[in-house]
Amino acid sequence: MGAKLAAFTITLILQIAFGAASFLLLIVVLNGYNESDATYGIVTFSLLALAVSVATSLAAASLVSRLLARGFRVSVSVIWAVAICSTAGFVLKAISGITGVAVAEIVRSIS
C-alpha cells in the first residue's frame, strides 16, 4: 500500500510541475490571440492536463502493484513505475498543449 501511494504521489507531483511549465509555455504561445479565443485553448489544455495527471498517477500505482506481484523489490518497482508513467505523462501533456493551441486556432478562424 505504501509503495502504491508513493508512486502515485511522486508521479502526481512531477505531472503537476510539468503541467505548470507547459501552461506557462502555452500562455507564451497564445500571446497573439484574442483573450476570448485563447480561453478555449487554455480550458482545453487545463482539462486534458488534469486528466493526464490523474490517469498517469493511477497508472503508476497500478504498475507498482503489478511489478511487486512479479517479485521486484519495492524501491525498484516505484522507480520504474514513476519513470515510465511520468514519461508517458510528459508526452501526453505536450500533446495536450498542442491540442490547446489547435483549439484556439480553430476558434480564431471561426470567429
PDB file of N, CA and C in Angstrom:
ATOM      1  N   MET A   1       0.828  -1.191   0.000  1.00  0.00           N
ATOM      2  CA  MET A   1       0.000   0.000   0.000  1.00  0.00           C
ATOM      3  C   MET A   1       0.867   1.248   0.000  1.00  0.00           C
ATOM      4  N   GLY A   2       1.932   1.237   0.776  1.00  0.00           N
ATOM      5  CA  GLY A   2       2.814   2.395   0.844  1.00  0.00           C
ATOM      6  C   GLY A   2       3.541   2.652  -0.460  1.00  0.00           C
ATOM      7  N   ALA A   3       3.897   1.580  -1.155  1.00  0.00           N
ATOM      8  CA  ALA A   3       4.599   1.733  -2.430  1.00  0.00           C
ATOM      9  C   ALA A   3       3.676   2.330  -3.482  1.00  0.00           C
ATOM     10  N   LYS A   4       2.418   1.897  -3.495  1.00  0.00           N
ATOM     11  CA  LYS A   4       1.465   2.452  -4.457  1.00  0.00           C
ATOM     12  C   LYS A   4       1.209   3.924  -4.173  1.00  0.00           C
ATOM     13  N   LEU A   5       1.091   4.266  -2.902  1.00  0.00           N
ATOM     14  CA  LEU A   5       0.878   5.663  -2.528  1.00  0.00           C
ATOM     15  C   LEU A   5       2.087   6.514  -2.886  1.00  0.00           C
ATOM     16  N   ALA A   6       3.279   5.977  -2.677  1.00  0.00           N
ATOM     17  CA  ALA A   6       4.499   6.714  -3.030  1.00  0.00           C
ATOM     18  C   ALA A   6       4.580   6.946  -4.533  1.00  0.00           C
ATOM     19  N   ALA A   7       4.300   5.926  -5.316  1.00  0.00           N
ATOM     20  CA  ALA A   7       4.340   6.074  -6.775  1.00  0.00           C
ATOM     21  C   ALA A   7       3.283   7.062  -7.248  1.00  0.00           C
ATOM     22  N   PHE A   8       2.090   6.976  -6.685  1.00  0.00           N
ATOM     23  CA  PHE A   8       1.020   7.906  -7.052  1.00  0.00           C
ATOM     24  C   PHE A   8       1.419   9.342  -6.730  1.00  0.00           C
ATOM     25  N   THR A   9       1.937   9.560  -5.526  1.00  0.00           N
ATOM     26  CA  THR A   9       2.281  10.912  -5.090  1.00  0.00           C
ATOM     27  C   THR A   9       3.437  11.491  -5.887  1.00  0.00           C
ATOM     28  N   ILE A  10       4.483  10.720  -6.085  1.00  0.00           N
ATOM     29  CA  ILE A  10       5.646  11.217  -6.833  1.00  0.00           C
ATOM     30  C   ILE A  10       5.257  11.532  -8.275  1.00  0.00           C
ATOM     31  N   THR A  11       4.498  10.643  -8.882  1.00  0.00           N
ATOM     32  CA  THR A  11       4.072  10.875 -10.263  1.00  0.00           C
ATOM     33  C   THR A  11       3.171  12.099 -10.352  1.00  0.00           C
ATOM     34  N   LEU A  12       2.263  12.252  -9.403  1.00  0.00           N
ATOM     35  CA  LEU A  12       1.365  13.407  -9.414  1.00  0.00           C
ATOM     36  C   LEU A  12       2.136  14.711  -9.247  1.00  0.00           C
ATOM     37  N   ILE A  13       3.125  14.727  -8.372  1.00  0.00           N
ATOM     38  CA  ILE A  13       3.935  15.938  -8.179  1.00  0.00           C
ATOM     39  C   ILE A  13       4.708  16.274  -9.447  1.00  0.00           C
ATOM     40  N   LEU A  14       5.301  15.265 -10.073  1.00  0.00           N
ATOM     41  CA  LEU A  14       6.026  15.510 -11.325  1.00  0.00           C
ATOM     42  C   LEU A  14       5.090  16.008 -12.424  1.00  0.00           C
ATOM     43  N   GLN A  15       3.902  15.433 -12.497  1.00  0.00           N
ATOM     44  CA  GLN A  15       2.947  15.851 -13.523  1.00  0.00           C
ATOM     45  C   GLN A  15       2.436  17.267 -13.279  1.00  0.00           C
ATOM     46  N   ILE A  16       2.225  17.630 -12.032  1.00  0.00           N
ATOM     47  CA  ILE A  16       1.794  18.995 -11.721  1.00  0.00           C
ATOM     48  C   ILE A  16       2.889  19.989 -12.076  1.00  0.00           C
ATOM     49  N   ALA A  17       4.129  19.646 -11.763  1.00  0.00           N
ATOM     50  CA  ALA A  17       5.245  20.545 -12.096  1.00  0.00           C
ATOM     51  C   ALA A  17       5.384  20.714 -13.605  1.00  0.00           C
ATOM     52  N   PHE A  18       5.311  19.626 -14.341  1.00  0.00           N
ATOM     53  CA  PHE A  18       5.417  19.725 -15.795  1.00  0.00           C
ATOM     54  C   PHE A  18       4.195  20.411 -16.388  1.00  0.00           C
ATOM     55  N   GLY A  19       3.040  20.197 -15.784  1.00  0.00           N
ATOM     56  CA  GLY A  19       1.827  20.876 -16.237  1.00  0.00           C
ATOM     57  C   GLY A  19       1.922  22.378 -16.056  1.00  0.00           C
ATOM     58  N   ALA A  20       2.506  22.815 -14.941  1.00  0.00           N
ATOM     59  CA  ALA A  20       2.683  24.252 -14.716  1.00  0.00           C
ATOM     60  C   ALA A  20       3.647  24.847 -15.736  1.00  0.00           C
ATOM     61  N   ALA A  21       4.729  24.143 -16.011  1.00  0.00           N
ATOM     62  CA  ALA A  21       5.686  24.627 -17.016  1.00  0.00           C
ATOM     63  C   ALA A  21       5.051  24.644 -18.404  1.00  0.00           C
ATOM     64  N   SER A  22       4.270  23.631 -18.708  1.00  0.00           N
ATOM     65  CA  SER A  22       3.581  23.583 -20.000  1.00  0.00           C
ATOM     66  C   SER A  22       2.550  24.696 -20.116  1.00  0.00           C
ATOM     67  N   PHE A  23       1.886  25.002 -19.009  1.00  0.00           N
ATOM     68  CA  PHE A  23       0.898  26.078 -19.013  1.00  0.00           C
ATOM     69  C   PHE A  23       1.559  27.422 -19.300  1.00  0.00           C
ATOM     70  N   LEU A  24       2.710  27.659 -18.691  1.00  0.00           N
ATOM     71  CA  LEU A  24       3.424  28.911 -18.960  1.00  0.00           C
ATOM     72  C   LEU A  24       3.852  28.993 -20.416  1.00  0.00           C
ATOM     73  N   LEU A  25       4.300  27.894 -20.971  1.00  0.00           N
ATOM     74  CA  LEU A  25       4.665  27.866 -22.383  1.00  0.00           C
ATOM     75  C   LEU A  25       3.437  28.090 -23.264  1.00  0.00           C
ATOM     76  N   LEU A  26       2.311  27.527 -22.877  1.00  0.00           N
ATOM     77  CA  LEU A  26       1.076  27.726 -23.628  1.00  0.00           C
ATOM     78  C   LEU A  26       0.658  29.192 -23.617  1.00  0.00           C
ATOM     79  N   ILE A  27       0.807  29.852 -22.488  1.00  0.00           N
ATOM     80  CA  ILE A  27       0.471  31.276 -22.392  1.00  0.00           C
ATOM     81  C   ILE A  27       1.348  32.088 -23.341  1.00  0.00           C
ATOM     82  N   VAL A  28       2.617  31.753 -23.431  1.00  0.00           N
ATOM     83  CA  VAL A  28       3.521  32.456 -24.349  1.00  0.00           C
ATOM     84  C   VAL A  28       3.111  32.195 -25.798  1.00  0.00           C
ATOM     85  N   VAL A  29       2.771  30.961 -26.116  1.00  0.00           N
ATOM     86  CA  VAL A  29       2.383  30.618 -27.484  1.00  0.00           C
ATOM     87  C   VAL A  29       1.086  31.329 -27.875  1.00  0.00           C
ATOM     88  N   LEU A  30       0.161  31.457 -26.939  1.00  0.00           N
ATOM     89  CA  LEU A  30      -1.125  32.090 -27.220  1.00  0.00           C
ATOM     90  C   LEU A  30      -1.079  33.608 -27.056  1.00  0.00           C
ATOM     91  N   ASN A  31       0.087  34.186 -27.033  1.00  0.00           N
ATOM     92  CA  ASN A  31       0.245  35.618 -26.791  1.00  0.00           C
ATOM     93  C   ASN A  31      -0.468  36.471 -27.831  1.00  0.00           C
ATOM     94  N   GLY A  32      -0.454  36.113 -29.088  1.00  0.00           N
ATOM     95  CA  GLY A  32      -1.048  36.926 -30.134  1.00  0.00           C
ATOM     96  C   GLY A  32      -2.544  36.734 -30.317  1.00  0.00           C
ATOM     97  N   TYR A  33      -3.140  35.824 -29.587  1.00  0.00           N
ATOM     98  CA  TYR A  33      -4.562  35.532 -29.746  1.00  0.00           C
ATOM     99  C   TYR A  33      -5.401  36.485 -28.900  1.00  0.00           C
ATOM    100  N   ASN A  34      -6.647  36.709 -29.337  1.00  0.00           N
ATOM    101  CA  ASN A  34      -7.583  37.456 -28.502  1.00  0.00           C
ATOM    102  C   ASN A  34      -7.856  36.660 -27.237  1.00  0.00           C
ATOM    103  N   GLU A  35      -8.222  37.368 -26.197  1.00  0.00           N
ATOM    104  CA  GLU A  35      -8.482  36.694 -24.929  1.00  0.00           C
ATOM    105  C   GLU A  35      -9.630  35.697 -25.056  1.00  0.00           C
ATOM    106  N   SER A  36     -10.656  36.061 -25.794  1.00  0.00           N
ATOM    107  CA  SER A  36     -11.805  35.158 -25.937  1.00  0.00           C
ATOM    108  C   SER A  36     -11.432  33.903 -26.729  1.00  0.00           C
ATOM    109  N   ASP A  37     -10.541  34.034 -27.705  1.00  0.00           N
ATOM    110  CA  ASP A  37     -10.107  32.868 -28.479  1.00  0.00           C
ATOM    111  C   ASP A  37      -9.154  31.990 -27.674  1.00  0.00           C
ATOM    112  N   ALA A  38      -8.251  32.618 -26.961  1.00  0.00           N
ATOM    113  CA  ALA A  38      -7.256  31.870 -26.193  1.00  0.00           C
ATOM    114  C   ALA A  38      -7.880  31.125 -25.021  1.00  0.00           C
ATOM    115  N   THR A  39      -8.996  31.630 -24.519  1.00  0.00           N
ATOM    116  CA  THR A  39      -9.647  30.990 -23.375  1.00  0.00           C
ATOM    117  C   THR A  39     -10.036  29.549 -23.688  1.00  0.00           C
ATOM    118  N   TYR A  40     -10.526  29.307 -24.891  1.00  0.00           N
ATOM    119  CA  TYR A  40     -10.908  27.948 -25.272  1.00  0.00           C
ATOM    120  C   TYR A  40      -9.691  27.018 -25.282  1.00  0.00           C
ATOM    121  N   GLY A  41      -8.578  27.506 -25.765  1.00  0.00           N
ATOM    122  CA  GLY A  41      -7.359  26.705 -25.769  1.00  0.00           C
ATOM    123  C   GLY A  41      -6.845  26.427 -24.369  1.00  0.00           C
ATOM    124  N   ILE A  42      -6.933  27.432 -23.505  1.00  0.00           N
ATOM    125  CA  ILE A  42      -6.461  27.271 -22.125  1.00  0.00           C
ATOM    126  C   ILE A  42      -7.341  26.275 -21.372  1.00  0.00           C
ATOM    127  N   VAL A  43      -8.653  26.383 -21.564  1.00  0.00           N
ATOM    128  CA  VAL A  43      -9.566  25.452 -20.893  1.00  0.00           C
ATOM    129  C   VAL A  43      -9.347  24.027 -21.400  1.00  0.00           C
ATOM    130  N   THR A  44      -9.177  23.892 -22.713  1.00  0.00           N
ATOM    131  CA  THR A  44      -8.922  22.568 -23.284  1.00  0.00           C
ATOM    132  C   THR A  44      -7.651  21.965 -22.702  1.00  0.00           C
ATOM    133  N   PHE A  45      -6.580  22.752 -22.678  1.00  0.00           N
ATOM    134  CA  PHE A  45      -5.327  22.256 -22.117  1.00  0.00           C
ATOM    135  C   PHE A  45      -5.492  21.894 -20.646  1.00  0.00           C
ATOM    136  N   SER A  46      -6.159  22.751 -19.885  1.00  0.00           N
ATOM    137  CA  SER A  46      -6.304  22.506 -18.450  1.00  0.00           C
ATOM    138  C   SER A  46      -7.052  21.211 -18.170  1.00  0.00           C
ATOM    139  N   LEU A  47      -8.136  20.980 -18.900  1.00  0.00           N
ATOM    140  CA  LEU A  47      -8.901  19.745 -18.694  1.00  0.00           C
ATOM    141  C   LEU A  47      -8.101  18.509 -19.096  1.00  0.00           C
ATOM    142  N   LEU A  48      -7.431  18.593 -20.237  1.00  0.00           N
ATOM    143  CA  LEU A  48      -6.615  17.456 -20.673  1.00  0.00           C
ATOM    144  C   LEU A  48      -5.440  17.215 -19.728  1.00  0.00           C
ATOM    145  N   ALA A  49      -4.800  18.288 -19.272  1.00  0.00           N
ATOM    146  CA  ALA A  49      -3.656  18.142 -18.367  1.00  0.00           C
ATOM    147  C   ALA A  49      -4.081  17.535 -17.037  1.00  0.00           C
ATOM    148  N   LEU A  50      -5.239  17.939 -16.542  1.00  0.00           N
ATOM    149  CA  LEU A  50      -5.746  17.363 -15.297  1.00  0.00           C
ATOM    150  C   LEU A  50      -6.040  15.877 -15.469  1.00  0.00           C
ATOM    151  N   ALA A  51      -6.673  15.524 -16.576  1.00  0.00           N
ATOM    152  CA  ALA A  51      -6.974  14.115 -16.839  1.00  0.00           C
ATOM    153  C   ALA A  51      -5.697  13.293 -16.981  1.00  0.00           C
ATOM    154  N   VAL A  52      -4.699  13.849 -17.657  1.00  0.00           N
ATOM    155  CA  VAL A  52      -3.422  13.144 -17.830  1.00  0.00           C
ATOM    156  C   VAL A  52      -2.737  12.956 -16.482  1.00  0.00           C
ATOM    157  N   SER A  53      -2.751  13.982 -15.647  1.00  0.00           N
ATOM    158  CA  SER A  53      -2.095  13.886 -14.337  1.00  0.00           C
ATOM    159  C   SER A  53      -2.707  12.785 -13.485  1.00  0.00           C
ATOM    160  N   VAL A  54      -4.017  12.755 -13.430  1.00  0.00           N
ATOM    161  CA  VAL A  54      -4.693  11.738 -12.619  1.00  0.00           C
ATOM    162  C   VAL A  54      -4.503  10.344 -13.225  1.00  0.00           C
ATOM    163  N   ALA A  55      -4.642  10.244 -14.534  1.00  0.00           N
ATOM    164  CA  ALA A  55      -4.524   8.934 -15.187  1.00  0.00           C
ATOM    165  C   ALA A  55      -3.123   8.344 -15.043  1.00  0.00           C
ATOM    166  N   THR A  56      -2.093   9.161 -15.237  1.00  0.00           N
ATOM    167  CA  THR A  56      -0.735   8.628 -15.123  1.00  0.00           C
ATOM    168  C   THR A  56      -0.382   8.293 -13.676  1.00  0.00           C
ATOM    169  N   SER A  57      -0.920   9.045 -12.742  1.00  0.00           N
ATOM    170  CA  SER A  57      -0.666   8.728 -11.335  1.00  0.00           C
ATOM    171  C   SER A  57      -1.336   7.417 -10.943  1.00  0.00           C
ATOM    172  N   LEU A  58      -2.555   7.219 -11.402  1.00  0.00           N
ATOM    173  CA  LEU A  58      -3.234   5.948 -11.138  1.00  0.00           C
ATOM    174  C   LEU A  58      -2.536   4.792 -11.850  1.00  0.00           C
ATOM    175  N   ALA A  59      -2.041   5.050 -13.054  1.00  0.00           N
ATOM    176  CA  ALA A  59      -1.308   4.013 -13.789  1.00  0.00           C
ATOM    177  C   ALA A  59      -0.018   3.637 -13.060  1.00  0.00           C
ATOM    178  N   ALA A  60       0.641   4.628 -12.465  1.00  0.00           N
ATOM    179  CA  ALA A  60       1.866   4.340 -11.713  1.00  0.00           C
ATOM    180  C   ALA A  60       1.566   3.462 -10.503  1.00  0.00           C
ATOM    181  N   ALA A  61       0.487   3.764  -9.803  1.00  0.00           N
ATOM    182  CA  ALA A  61       0.110   2.942  -8.651  1.00  0.00           C
ATOM    183  C   ALA A  61      -0.234   1.521  -9.088  1.00  0.00           C
ATOM    184  N   SER A  62      -0.919   1.401 -10.201  1.00  0.00           N
ATOM    185  CA  SER A  62      -1.267   0.076 -10.720  1.00  0.00           C
ATOM    186  C   SER A  62      -0.025  -0.693 -11.164  1.00  0.00           C
ATOM    187  N   LEU A  63       0.890   0.008 -11.814  1.00  0.00           N
ATOM    188  CA  LEU A  63       2.114  -0.644 -12.287  1.00  0.00           C
ATOM    189  C   LEU A  63       2.978  -1.121 -11.124  1.00  0.00           C
ATOM    190  N   VAL A  64       3.008  -0.368 -10.040  1.00  0.00           N
ATOM    191  CA  VAL A  64       3.775  -0.795  -8.862  1.00  0.00           C
ATOM    192  C   VAL A  64       3.230  -2.114  -8.333  1.00  0.00           C
ATOM    193  N   SER A  65       1.920  -2.211  -8.237  1.00  0.00           N
ATOM    194  CA  SER A  65       1.358  -3.458  -7.705  1.00  0.00           C
ATOM    195  C   SER A  65       1.642  -4.637  -8.639  1.00  0.00           C
ATOM    196  N   ARG A  66       1.648  -4.397  -9.944  1.00  0.00           N
ATOM    197  CA  ARG A  66       1.970  -5.472 -10.886  1.00  0.00           C
ATOM    198  C   ARG A  66       3.439  -5.870 -10.794  1.00  0.00           C
ATOM    199  N   LEU A  67       4.313  -4.890 -10.638  1.00  0.00           N
ATOM    200  CA  LEU A  67       5.739  -5.206 -10.513  1.00  0.00           C
ATOM    201  C   LEU A  67       6.029  -5.934  -9.204  1.00  0.00           C
ATOM    202  N   LEU A  68       5.352  -5.528  -8.136  1.00  0.00           N
ATOM    203  CA  LEU A  68       5.536  -6.221  -6.859  1.00  0.00           C
ATOM    204  C   LEU A  68       5.031  -7.662  -6.946  1.00  0.00           C
ATOM    205  N   ALA A  69       3.957  -7.879  -7.679  1.00  0.00           N
ATOM    206  CA  ALA A  69       3.429  -9.236  -7.841  1.00  0.00           C
ATOM    207  C   ALA A  69       4.399 -10.120  -8.621  1.00  0.00           C
ATOM    208  N   ARG A  70       5.209  -9.511  -9.470  1.00  0.00           N
ATOM    209  CA  ARG A  70       6.201 -10.276 -10.241  1.00  0.00           C
ATOM    210  C   ARG A  70       7.497 -10.493  -9.466  1.00  0.00           C
ATOM    211  N   GLY A  71       7.591  -9.947  -8.262  1.00  0.00           N
ATOM    212  CA  GLY A  71       8.740 -10.219  -7.419  1.00  0.00           C
ATOM    213  C   GLY A  71       9.809  -9.141  -7.394  1.00  0.00           C
ATOM    214  N   PHE A  72       9.541  -7.986  -7.961  1.00  0.00           N
ATOM    215  CA  PHE A  72      10.511  -6.890  -7.903  1.00  0.00           C
ATOM    216  C   PHE A  72      10.522  -6.292  -6.503  1.00  0.00           C
ATOM    217  N   ARG A  73      11.656  -5.702  -6.142  1.00  0.00           N
ATOM    218  CA  ARG A  73      11.738  -5.026  -4.854  1.00  0.00           C
ATOM    219  C   ARG A  73      10.889  -3.761  -4.889  1.00  0.00           C
ATOM    220  N   VAL A  74      10.536  -3.265  -3.711  1.00  0.00           N
ATOM    221  CA  VAL A  74       9.662  -2.098  -3.608  1.00  0.00           C
ATOM    222  C   VAL A  74      10.301  -0.877  -4.252  1.00  0.00           C
ATOM    223  N   SER A  75      11.562  -0.623  -3.939  1.00  0.00           N
ATOM    224  CA  SER A  75      12.219   0.574  -4.474  1.00  0.00           C
ATOM    225  C   SER A  75      12.334   0.522  -5.994  1.00  0.00           C
ATOM    226  N   VAL A  76      12.679  -0.633  -6.521  1.00  0.00           N
ATOM    227  CA  VAL A  76      12.793  -0.789  -7.975  1.00  0.00           C
ATOM    228  C   VAL A  76      11.426  -0.612  -8.631  1.00  0.00           C
ATOM    229  N   SER A  77      10.399  -1.161  -8.016  1.00  0.00           N
ATOM    230  CA  SER A  77       9.047  -1.041  -8.565  1.00  0.00           C
ATOM    231  C   SER A  77       8.593   0.411  -8.619  1.00  0.00           C
ATOM    232  N   VAL A  78       8.838   1.143  -7.550  1.00  0.00           N
ATOM    233  CA  VAL A  78       8.422   2.551  -7.508  1.00  0.00           C
ATOM    234  C   VAL A  78       9.192   3.365  -8.535  1.00  0.00           C
ATOM    235  N   ILE A  79      10.500   3.158  -8.621  1.00  0.00           N
ATOM    236  CA  ILE A  79      11.318   3.925  -9.571  1.00  0.00           C
ATOM    237  C   ILE A  79      10.883   3.655 -11.004  1.00  0.00           C
ATOM    238  N   TRP A  80      10.689   2.398 -11.357  1.00  0.00           N
ATOM    239  CA  TRP A  80      10.282   2.067 -12.724  1.00  0.00           C
ATOM    240  C   TRP A  80       8.892   2.591 -13.036  1.00  0.00           C
ATOM    241  N   ALA A  81       7.975   2.441 -12.105  1.00  0.00           N
ATOM    242  CA  ALA A  81       6.604   2.904 -12.343  1.00  0.00           C
ATOM    243  C   ALA A  81       6.555   4.417 -12.521  1.00  0.00           C
ATOM    244  N   VAL A  82       7.280   5.131 -11.672  1.00  0.00           N
ATOM    245  CA  VAL A  82       7.305   6.594 -11.783  1.00  0.00           C
ATOM    246  C   VAL A  82       7.972   7.018 -13.083  1.00  0.00           C
ATOM    247  N   ALA A  83       9.072   6.378 -13.443  1.00  0.00           N
ATOM    248  CA  ALA A  83       9.783   6.753 -14.670  1.00  0.00           C
ATOM    249  C   ALA A  83       8.933   6.500 -15.910  1.00  0.00           C
ATOM    250  N   ILE A  84       8.315   5.347 -15.978  1.00  0.00           N
ATOM    251  CA  ILE A  84       7.516   5.000 -17.161  1.00  0.00           C
ATOM    252  C   ILE A  84       6.277   5.882 -17.267  1.00  0.00           C
ATOM    253  N   CYS A  85       5.547   6.003 -16.178  1.00  0.00           N
ATOM    254  CA  CYS A  85       4.295   6.763 -16.224  1.00  0.00           C
ATOM    255  C   CYS A  85       4.540   8.265 -16.340  1.00  0.00           C
ATOM    256  N   SER A  86       5.614   8.762 -15.753  1.00  0.00           N
ATOM    257  CA  SER A  86       5.922  10.184 -15.900  1.00  0.00           C
ATOM    258  C   SER A  86       6.334  10.511 -17.326  1.00  0.00           C
ATOM    259  N   THR A  87       7.100   9.638 -17.942  1.00  0.00           N
ATOM    260  CA  THR A  87       7.487   9.860 -19.337  1.00  0.00           C
ATOM    261  C   THR A  87       6.261   9.862 -20.241  1.00  0.00           C
ATOM    262  N   ALA A  88       5.378   8.914 -20.022  1.00  0.00           N
ATOM    263  CA  ALA A  88       4.135   8.889 -20.804  1.00  0.00           C
ATOM    264  C   ALA A  88       3.315  10.150 -20.549  1.00  0.00           C
ATOM    265  N   GLY A  89       3.292  10.595 -19.305  1.00  0.00           N
ATOM    266  CA  GLY A  89       2.561  11.815 -18.972  1.00  0.00           C
ATOM    267  C   GLY A  89       3.153  13.048 -19.613  1.00  0.00           C
ATOM    268  N   PHE A  90       4.485  13.110 -19.677  1.00  0.00           N
ATOM    269  CA  PHE A  90       5.135  14.255 -20.313  1.00  0.00           C
ATOM    270  C   PHE A  90       4.765  14.326 -21.792  1.00  0.00           C
ATOM    271  N   VAL A  91       4.757  13.190 -22.451  1.00  0.00           N
ATOM    272  CA  VAL A  91       4.383  13.156 -23.874  1.00  0.00           C
ATOM    273  C   VAL A  91       2.922  13.562 -24.044  1.00  0.00           C
ATOM    274  N   LEU A  92       2.057  13.035 -23.182  1.00  0.00           N
ATOM    275  CA  LEU A  92       0.640  13.370 -23.278  1.00  0.00           C
ATOM    276  C   LEU A  92       0.371  14.834 -22.938  1.00  0.00           C
ATOM    277  N   LYS A  93       1.155  15.406 -22.023  1.00  0.00           N
ATOM    278  CA  LYS A  93       0.994  16.836 -21.719  1.00  0.00           C
ATOM    279  C   LYS A  93       1.421  17.690 -22.899  1.00  0.00           C
ATOM    280  N   ALA A  94       2.467  17.283 -23.595  1.00  0.00           N
ATOM    281  CA  ALA A  94       2.883  18.019 -24.793  1.00  0.00           C
ATOM    282  C   ALA A  94       1.788  17.953 -25.852  1.00  0.00           C
ATOM    283  N   ILE A  95       1.190  16.791 -26.007  1.00  0.00           N
ATOM    284  CA  ILE A  95       0.073  16.653 -26.948  1.00  0.00           C
ATOM    285  C   ILE A  95      -1.110  17.507 -26.496  1.00  0.00           C
ATOM    286  N   SER A  96      -1.334  17.591 -25.196  1.00  0.00           N
ATOM    287  CA  SER A  96      -2.404  18.439 -24.671  1.00  0.00           C
ATOM    288  C   SER A  96      -2.156  19.904 -24.998  1.00  0.00           C
ATOM    289  N   GLY A  97      -0.907  20.333 -24.896  1.00  0.00           N
ATOM    290  CA  GLY A  97      -0.569  21.713 -25.245  1.00  0.00           C
ATOM    291  C   GLY A  97      -0.805  22.001 -26.712  1.00  0.00           C
ATOM    292  N   ILE A  98      -0.404  21.070 -27.556  1.00  0.00           N
ATOM    293  CA  ILE A  98      -0.630  21.234 -28.998  1.00  0.00           C
ATOM    294  C   ILE A  98      -2.128  21.259 -29.291  1.00  0.00           C
ATOM    295  N   THR A  99      -2.883  20.425 -28.600  1.00  0.00           N
ATOM    296  CA  THR A  99      -4.333  20.412 -28.778  1.00  0.00           C
ATOM    297  C   THR A  99      -4.951  21.730 -28.333  1.00  0.00           C
ATOM    298  N   GLY A 100      -4.460  22.287 -27.231  1.00  0.00           N
ATOM    299  CA  GLY A 100      -4.959  23.579 -26.768  1.00  0.00           C
ATOM    300  C   GLY A 100      -4.727  24.681 -27.785  1.00  0.00           C
ATOM    301  N   VAL A 101      -3.544  24.701 -28.380  1.00  0.00           N
ATOM    302  CA  VAL A 101      -3.243  25.699 -29.413  1.00  0.00           C
ATOM    303  C   VAL A 101      -4.116  25.463 -30.641  1.00  0.00           C
ATOM    304  N   ALA A 102      -4.318  24.210 -31.006  1.00  0.00           N
ATOM    305  CA  ALA A 102      -5.154  23.897 -32.170  1.00  0.00           C
ATOM    306  C   ALA A 102      -6.596  24.343 -31.945  1.00  0.00           C
ATOM    307  N   VAL A 103      -7.115  24.125 -30.748  1.00  0.00           N
ATOM    308  CA  VAL A 103      -8.480  24.562 -30.441  1.00  0.00           C
ATOM    309  C   VAL A 103      -8.576  26.081 -30.514  1.00  0.00           C
ATOM    310  N   ALA A 104      -7.588  26.774 -29.963  1.00  0.00           N
ATOM    311  CA  ALA A 104      -7.592  28.239 -30.031  1.00  0.00           C
ATOM    312  C   ALA A 104      -7.530  28.716 -31.480  1.00  0.00           C
ATOM    313  N   GLU A 105      -6.760  28.040 -32.296  1.00  0.00           N
ATOM    314  CA  GLU A 105      -6.659  28.416 -33.713  1.00  0.00           C
ATOM    315  C   GLU A 105      -7.975  28.155 -34.447  1.00  0.00           C
ATOM    316  N   ILE A 106      -8.631  27.057 -34.133  1.00  0.00           N
ATOM    317  CA  ILE A 106      -9.926  26.761 -34.755  1.00  0.00           C
ATOM    318  C   ILE A 106     -10.955  27.811 -34.363  1.00  0.00           C
ATOM    319  N   VAL A 107     -10.998  28.150 -33.078  1.00  0.00           N
ATOM    320  CA  VAL A 107     -11.940  29.173 -32.617  1.00  0.00           C
ATOM    321  C   VAL A 107     -11.613  30.517 -33.255  1.00  0.00           C
ATOM    322  N   ARG A 108     -10.350  30.808 -33.395  1.00  0.00           N
ATOM    323  CA  ARG A 108      -9.923  32.068 -34.017  1.00  0.00           C
ATOM    324  C   ARG A 108     -10.355  32.134 -35.483  1.00  0.00           C
ATOM    325  N   SER A 109     -10.253  31.027 -36.192  1.00  0.00           N
ATOM    326  CA  SER A 109     -10.630  31.031 -37.606  1.00  0.00           C
ATOM    327  C   SER A 109     -12.146  31.073 -37.792  1.00  0.00           C
ATOM    328  N   ILE A 110     -12.894  30.551 -36.828  1.00  0.00           N
ATOM    329  CA  ILE A 110     -14.356  30.577 -36.916  1.00  0.00           C
ATOM    330  C   ILE A 110     -14.889  31.977 -36.644  1.00  0.00           C
ATOM    331  N   SER A 111     -14.323  32.643 -35.644  1.00  0.00           N
ATOM    332  CA  SER A 111     -14.854  33.961 -35.266  1.00  0.00           C
ATOM    333  C   SER A 111     -14.222  35.104 -36.004  1.00  0.00           C
TER     334      SER A 111
END
